[in-house]
Amino acid sequence: NSNQSKHGVFTAKPETLSNDFFVNLLDMRTEWKSTDDGNSFEGRDRTTGDLKWTATRVDLIFGSNSRLRALAEVYASADGKAKFVNDFIAAWNKVMQLDRFDLK
């Protein structure tokens, strides 16, 4: 994340390509609430109240927008890790080759 921000880092393994973001975003054991400044959110354990994650509105849109939520649920599913990694690789490859006219 920009400037090593903790917002949107929903994993214990930062800098590792995984579906943890989606799994932890949609985890029903986490309750999301706006902070006092209204610009960020805290995800707290519903049972203990312990702070688990912090997020911005941009991070949480994957759980609130119906189309993005559908994708997030696929990637967060038990067998979604491989799909996420494969989709990410395909998208990355496409973006990296968009201006490579010498390859076509």
N, C-alpha and C. Protein backbone atom coordinates (compact mmCIF):
# COMPACT_ATOMS: atom_id res chain seq x y z
N ASN A 1 0.83 -1.19 0.00
CA ASN A 1 0.00 0.00 0.00
C ASN A 1 0.87 1.25 0.00
N SER A 2 0.28 2.32 -0.45
CA SER A 2 0.99 3.58 -0.52
C SER A 2 1.46 4.02 0.87
N ASN A 3 2.70 4.39 0.96
CA ASN A 3 3.30 4.85 2.22
C ASN A 3 3.15 3.84 3.35
N GLN A 4 3.11 2.56 3.00
CA GLN A 4 3.00 1.47 3.99
C GLN A 4 1.74 1.57 4.85
N SER A 5 0.68 2.14 4.30
CA SER A 5 -0.59 2.24 5.02
C SER A 5 -1.11 0.86 5.37
N LYS A 6 -1.73 0.73 6.53
CA LYS A 6 -2.32 -0.54 6.96
C LYS A 6 -3.75 -0.69 6.45
N HIS A 7 -4.33 0.39 5.91
CA HIS A 7 -5.70 0.32 5.40
C HIS A 7 -5.77 -0.68 4.25
N GLY A 8 -6.73 -1.58 4.32
CA GLY A 8 -6.95 -2.52 3.23
C GLY A 8 -6.00 -3.71 3.19
N VAL A 9 -5.16 -3.84 4.19
CA VAL A 9 -4.26 -5.00 4.24
C VAL A 9 -4.94 -6.04 5.13
N PHE A 10 -5.81 -6.84 4.52
CA PHE A 10 -6.61 -7.82 5.27
C PHE A 10 -5.92 -9.18 5.23
N THR A 11 -4.70 -9.22 5.70
CA THR A 11 -3.93 -10.47 5.68
C THR A 11 -2.83 -10.42 6.72
N ALA A 12 -2.41 -11.60 7.14
CA ALA A 12 -1.24 -11.72 8.01
C ALA A 12 0.02 -11.92 7.18
N LYS A 13 -0.15 -11.99 5.84
CA LYS A 13 0.99 -12.23 4.94
C LYS A 13 1.07 -11.12 3.89
N PRO A 14 1.38 -9.89 4.29
CA PRO A 14 1.47 -8.82 3.29
C PRO A 14 2.55 -9.12 2.26
N GLU A 15 2.36 -8.56 1.07
CA GLU A 15 3.28 -8.73 -0.05
C GLU A 15 3.27 -10.15 -0.61
N THR A 16 2.21 -10.91 -0.31
CA THR A 16 2.03 -12.25 -0.86
C THR A 16 0.74 -12.26 -1.65
N LEU A 17 0.78 -12.77 -2.87
CA LEU A 17 -0.43 -12.84 -3.69
C LEU A 17 -1.33 -13.96 -3.16
N SER A 18 -2.46 -13.57 -2.61
CA SER A 18 -3.42 -14.54 -2.08
C SER A 18 -4.81 -13.93 -2.13
N ASN A 19 -5.81 -14.72 -1.81
CA ASN A 19 -7.19 -14.24 -1.77
C ASN A 19 -7.59 -13.79 -0.36
N ASP A 20 -6.63 -13.60 0.53
CA ASP A 20 -6.91 -13.21 1.91
C ASP A 20 -7.75 -11.94 2.00
N PHE A 21 -7.51 -10.98 1.13
CA PHE A 21 -8.29 -9.73 1.15
C PHE A 21 -9.78 -10.05 1.09
N PHE A 22 -10.18 -10.90 0.17
CA PHE A 22 -11.60 -11.22 -0.02
C PHE A 22 -12.13 -12.08 1.11
N VAL A 23 -11.35 -13.05 1.56
CA VAL A 23 -11.76 -13.92 2.65
C VAL A 23 -12.03 -13.09 3.91
N ASN A 24 -11.10 -12.21 4.25
CA ASN A 24 -11.24 -11.43 5.48
C ASN A 24 -12.23 -10.29 5.35
N LEU A 25 -12.38 -9.73 4.17
CA LEU A 25 -13.38 -8.69 3.95
C LEU A 25 -14.78 -9.23 4.21
N LEU A 26 -15.05 -10.44 3.76
CA LEU A 26 -16.39 -11.01 3.86
C LEU A 26 -16.60 -11.88 5.10
N ASP A 27 -15.61 -11.98 5.95
CA ASP A 27 -15.71 -12.79 7.17
C ASP A 27 -16.80 -12.22 8.07
N MET A 28 -17.83 -13.01 8.34
CA MET A 28 -18.96 -12.55 9.15
C MET A 28 -18.60 -12.37 10.63
N ARG A 29 -17.42 -12.82 11.03
CA ARG A 29 -16.98 -12.59 12.41
C ARG A 29 -16.41 -11.18 12.59
N THR A 30 -16.32 -10.44 11.49
CA THR A 30 -15.81 -9.06 11.53
C THR A 30 -16.96 -8.09 11.36
N GLU A 31 -17.01 -7.09 12.23
CA GLU A 31 -18.02 -6.02 12.13
C GLU A 31 -17.30 -4.73 11.73
N TRP A 32 -17.76 -4.13 10.64
CA TRP A 32 -17.14 -2.90 10.12
C TRP A 32 -17.90 -1.69 10.61
N LYS A 33 -17.15 -0.71 11.15
CA LYS A 33 -17.75 0.55 11.60
C LYS A 33 -16.86 1.71 11.20
N SER A 34 -17.50 2.83 10.90
CA SER A 34 -16.79 4.05 10.54
C SER A 34 -16.03 4.58 11.75
N THR A 35 -14.86 5.16 11.50
CA THR A 35 -14.11 5.80 12.58
C THR A 35 -14.67 7.20 12.82
N ASP A 36 -14.20 7.86 13.85
CA ASP A 36 -14.71 9.19 14.19
C ASP A 36 -14.48 10.21 13.09
N ASP A 37 -13.38 10.06 12.35
CA ASP A 37 -13.11 11.03 11.28
C ASP A 37 -13.97 10.78 10.04
N GLY A 38 -14.61 9.61 9.96
CA GLY A 38 -15.49 9.30 8.84
C GLY A 38 -14.79 8.93 7.56
N ASN A 39 -13.46 8.95 7.56
CA ASN A 39 -12.70 8.66 6.35
C ASN A 39 -12.17 7.24 6.28
N SER A 40 -12.24 6.53 7.38
CA SER A 40 -11.75 5.15 7.40
C SER A 40 -12.69 4.31 8.26
N PHE A 41 -12.44 3.01 8.23
CA PHE A 41 -13.30 2.07 8.92
C PHE A 41 -12.45 1.09 9.71
N GLU A 42 -13.02 0.57 10.79
CA GLU A 42 -12.36 -0.44 11.59
C GLU A 42 -13.17 -1.73 11.50
N GLY A 43 -12.47 -2.82 11.31
CA GLY A 43 -13.09 -4.14 11.33
C GLY A 43 -12.73 -4.80 12.65
N ARG A 44 -13.74 -5.00 13.48
CA ARG A 44 -13.50 -5.57 14.81
C ARG A 44 -14.15 -6.94 14.94
N ASP A 45 -13.52 -7.79 15.73
CA ASP A 45 -14.06 -9.11 16.01
C ASP A 45 -15.40 -8.94 16.73
N ARG A 46 -16.46 -9.56 16.21
CA ARG A 46 -17.80 -9.40 16.79
C ARG A 46 -17.89 -9.93 18.22
N THR A 47 -17.08 -10.91 18.57
CA THR A 47 -17.13 -11.51 19.90
C THR A 47 -16.30 -10.74 20.91
N THR A 48 -15.05 -10.47 20.57
CA THR A 48 -14.13 -9.85 21.53
C THR A 48 -14.05 -8.33 21.41
N GLY A 49 -14.41 -7.80 20.26
CA GLY A 49 -14.27 -6.37 20.02
C GLY A 49 -12.87 -5.95 19.64
N ASP A 50 -11.96 -6.92 19.52
CA ASP A 50 -10.57 -6.61 19.15
C ASP A 50 -10.50 -6.09 17.72
N LEU A 51 -9.64 -5.10 17.51
CA LEU A 51 -9.42 -4.55 16.17
C LEU A 51 -8.66 -5.57 15.33
N LYS A 52 -9.22 -5.90 14.16
CA LYS A 52 -8.58 -6.85 13.26
C LYS A 52 -7.99 -6.16 12.05
N TRP A 53 -8.76 -5.23 11.43
CA TRP A 53 -8.36 -4.60 10.18
C TRP A 53 -8.79 -3.14 10.16
N THR A 54 -8.15 -2.36 9.30
CA THR A 54 -8.63 -1.01 9.00
C THR A 54 -8.81 -0.91 7.49
N ALA A 55 -9.74 -0.05 7.07
CA ALA A 55 -10.07 0.02 5.65
C ALA A 55 -10.51 1.42 5.27
N THR A 56 -10.54 1.65 3.96
CA THR A 56 -11.11 2.87 3.40
C THR A 56 -12.41 2.49 2.70
N ARG A 57 -13.14 3.49 2.23
CA ARG A 57 -14.37 3.22 1.47
C ARG A 57 -14.08 2.41 0.22
N VAL A 58 -12.94 2.68 -0.39
CA VAL A 58 -12.56 1.96 -1.61
C VAL A 58 -12.41 0.47 -1.31
N ASP A 59 -11.79 0.12 -0.19
CA ASP A 59 -11.63 -1.29 0.17
C ASP A 59 -12.98 -1.96 0.38
N LEU A 60 -13.88 -1.27 1.07
CA LEU A 60 -15.16 -1.87 1.43
C LEU A 60 -16.16 -1.93 0.29
N ILE A 61 -15.89 -1.24 -0.81
CA ILE A 61 -16.83 -1.28 -1.94
C ILE A 61 -16.94 -2.70 -2.50
N PHE A 62 -15.89 -3.51 -2.31
CA PHE A 62 -15.95 -4.89 -2.78
C PHE A 62 -16.97 -5.72 -2.01
N GLY A 63 -17.40 -5.24 -0.87
CA GLY A 63 -18.43 -5.94 -0.11
C GLY A 63 -19.79 -5.31 -0.25
N SER A 64 -19.85 -4.05 -0.68
CA SER A 64 -21.15 -3.35 -0.72
C SER A 64 -21.75 -3.22 -2.11
N ASN A 65 -20.95 -3.19 -3.15
CA ASN A 65 -21.46 -3.11 -4.52
C ASN A 65 -21.84 -4.52 -4.98
N SER A 66 -23.05 -4.69 -5.51
CA SER A 66 -23.54 -6.04 -5.82
C SER A 66 -22.66 -6.78 -6.83
N ARG A 67 -22.19 -6.11 -7.85
CA ARG A 67 -21.36 -6.79 -8.86
C ARG A 67 -19.99 -7.15 -8.30
N LEU A 68 -19.39 -6.21 -7.56
CA LEU A 68 -18.09 -6.50 -6.97
C LEU A 68 -18.21 -7.54 -5.86
N ARG A 69 -19.33 -7.51 -5.13
CA ARG A 69 -19.56 -8.49 -4.06
C ARG A 69 -19.61 -9.91 -4.65
N ALA A 70 -20.28 -10.05 -5.79
CA ALA A 70 -20.36 -11.37 -6.42
C ALA A 70 -18.97 -11.91 -6.75
N LEU A 71 -18.11 -11.06 -7.29
CA LEU A 71 -16.73 -11.48 -7.58
C LEU A 71 -15.97 -11.79 -6.30
N ALA A 72 -16.16 -10.94 -5.28
CA ALA A 72 -15.48 -11.14 -4.00
C ALA A 72 -15.87 -12.48 -3.39
N GLU A 73 -17.14 -12.85 -3.50
CA GLU A 73 -17.59 -14.12 -2.94
C GLU A 73 -16.97 -15.31 -3.67
N VAL A 74 -16.81 -15.20 -4.98
CA VAL A 74 -16.14 -16.27 -5.74
C VAL A 74 -14.70 -16.39 -5.27
N TYR A 75 -13.99 -15.27 -5.19
CA TYR A 75 -12.58 -15.31 -4.78
C TYR A 75 -12.41 -15.71 -3.32
N ALA A 76 -13.39 -15.44 -2.47
CA ALA A 76 -13.29 -15.78 -1.05
C ALA A 76 -13.69 -17.21 -0.75
N SER A 77 -14.28 -17.90 -1.72
CA SER A 77 -14.76 -19.26 -1.48
C SER A 77 -13.60 -20.21 -1.20
N ALA A 78 -13.95 -21.38 -0.68
CA ALA A 78 -12.93 -22.37 -0.30
C ALA A 78 -12.01 -22.73 -1.46
N ASP A 79 -12.55 -22.77 -2.66
CA ASP A 79 -11.72 -23.10 -3.82
C ASP A 79 -11.41 -21.88 -4.68
N GLY A 80 -11.55 -20.69 -4.12
CA GLY A 80 -11.37 -19.46 -4.88
C GLY A 80 -9.95 -18.96 -5.01
N LYS A 81 -9.03 -19.50 -4.22
CA LYS A 81 -7.65 -19.00 -4.27
C LYS A 81 -7.03 -19.18 -5.65
N ALA A 82 -7.16 -20.37 -6.22
CA ALA A 82 -6.57 -20.62 -7.54
C ALA A 82 -7.22 -19.74 -8.60
N LYS A 83 -8.54 -19.56 -8.53
CA LYS A 83 -9.23 -18.72 -9.50
C LYS A 83 -8.73 -17.28 -9.39
N PHE A 84 -8.59 -16.78 -8.17
CA PHE A 84 -8.09 -15.42 -7.98
C PHE A 84 -6.70 -15.26 -8.58
N VAL A 85 -5.81 -16.17 -8.27
CA VAL A 85 -4.43 -16.09 -8.77
C VAL A 85 -4.42 -16.15 -10.29
N ASN A 86 -5.17 -17.08 -10.87
CA ASN A 86 -5.21 -17.20 -12.34
C ASN A 86 -5.81 -15.97 -13.00
N ASP A 87 -6.89 -15.43 -12.43
CA ASP A 87 -7.50 -14.21 -12.98
C ASP A 87 -6.55 -13.02 -12.86
N PHE A 88 -5.85 -12.93 -11.73
CA PHE A 88 -4.89 -11.84 -11.53
C PHE A 88 -3.77 -11.92 -12.57
N ILE A 89 -3.25 -13.11 -12.76
CA ILE A 89 -2.16 -13.29 -13.74
C ILE A 89 -2.63 -12.91 -15.14
N ALA A 90 -3.82 -13.34 -15.51
CA ALA A 90 -4.36 -13.01 -16.84
C ALA A 90 -4.53 -11.51 -17.01
N ALA A 91 -5.07 -10.84 -15.99
CA ALA A 91 -5.26 -9.39 -16.07
C ALA A 91 -3.92 -8.66 -16.11
N TRP A 92 -2.98 -9.08 -15.27
CA TRP A 92 -1.65 -8.46 -15.25
C TRP A 92 -0.97 -8.61 -16.60
N ASN A 93 -1.03 -9.80 -17.16
CA ASN A 93 -0.42 -10.06 -18.46
C ASN A 93 -1.04 -9.17 -19.54
N LYS A 94 -2.35 -9.04 -19.51
CA LYS A 94 -3.04 -8.21 -20.50
C LYS A 94 -2.60 -6.75 -20.39
N VAL A 95 -2.57 -6.23 -19.18
CA VAL A 95 -2.18 -4.83 -18.96
C VAL A 95 -0.72 -4.61 -19.38
N MET A 96 0.15 -5.53 -19.04
CA MET A 96 1.57 -5.37 -19.34
C MET A 96 1.85 -5.44 -20.84
N GLN A 97 0.95 -6.03 -21.61
CA GLN A 97 1.18 -6.16 -23.05
C GLN A 97 0.35 -5.21 -23.90
N LEU A 98 -0.43 -4.34 -23.29
CA LEU A 98 -1.30 -3.45 -24.05
C LEU A 98 -0.55 -2.54 -25.02
N ASP A 99 0.63 -2.09 -24.65
CA ASP A 99 1.38 -1.20 -25.55
C ASP A 99 2.53 -1.92 -26.26
N ARG A 100 2.50 -3.24 -26.22
CA ARG A 100 3.56 -4.03 -26.87
C ARG A 100 3.11 -4.45 -28.26
N PHE A 101 3.08 -3.48 -29.16
CA PHE A 101 2.64 -3.75 -30.53
C PHE A 101 3.61 -4.67 -31.27
N ASP A 102 4.84 -4.74 -30.77
CA ASP A 102 5.83 -5.62 -31.40
C ASP A 102 5.53 -7.10 -31.16
N LEU A 103 4.64 -7.41 -30.22
CA LEU A 103 4.30 -8.80 -29.92
C LEU A 103 3.15 -9.33 -30.75
N LYS A 104 2.44 -8.44 -31.46
CA LYS A 104 1.24 -8.87 -32.17
C LYS A 104 1.52 -9.22 -33.59
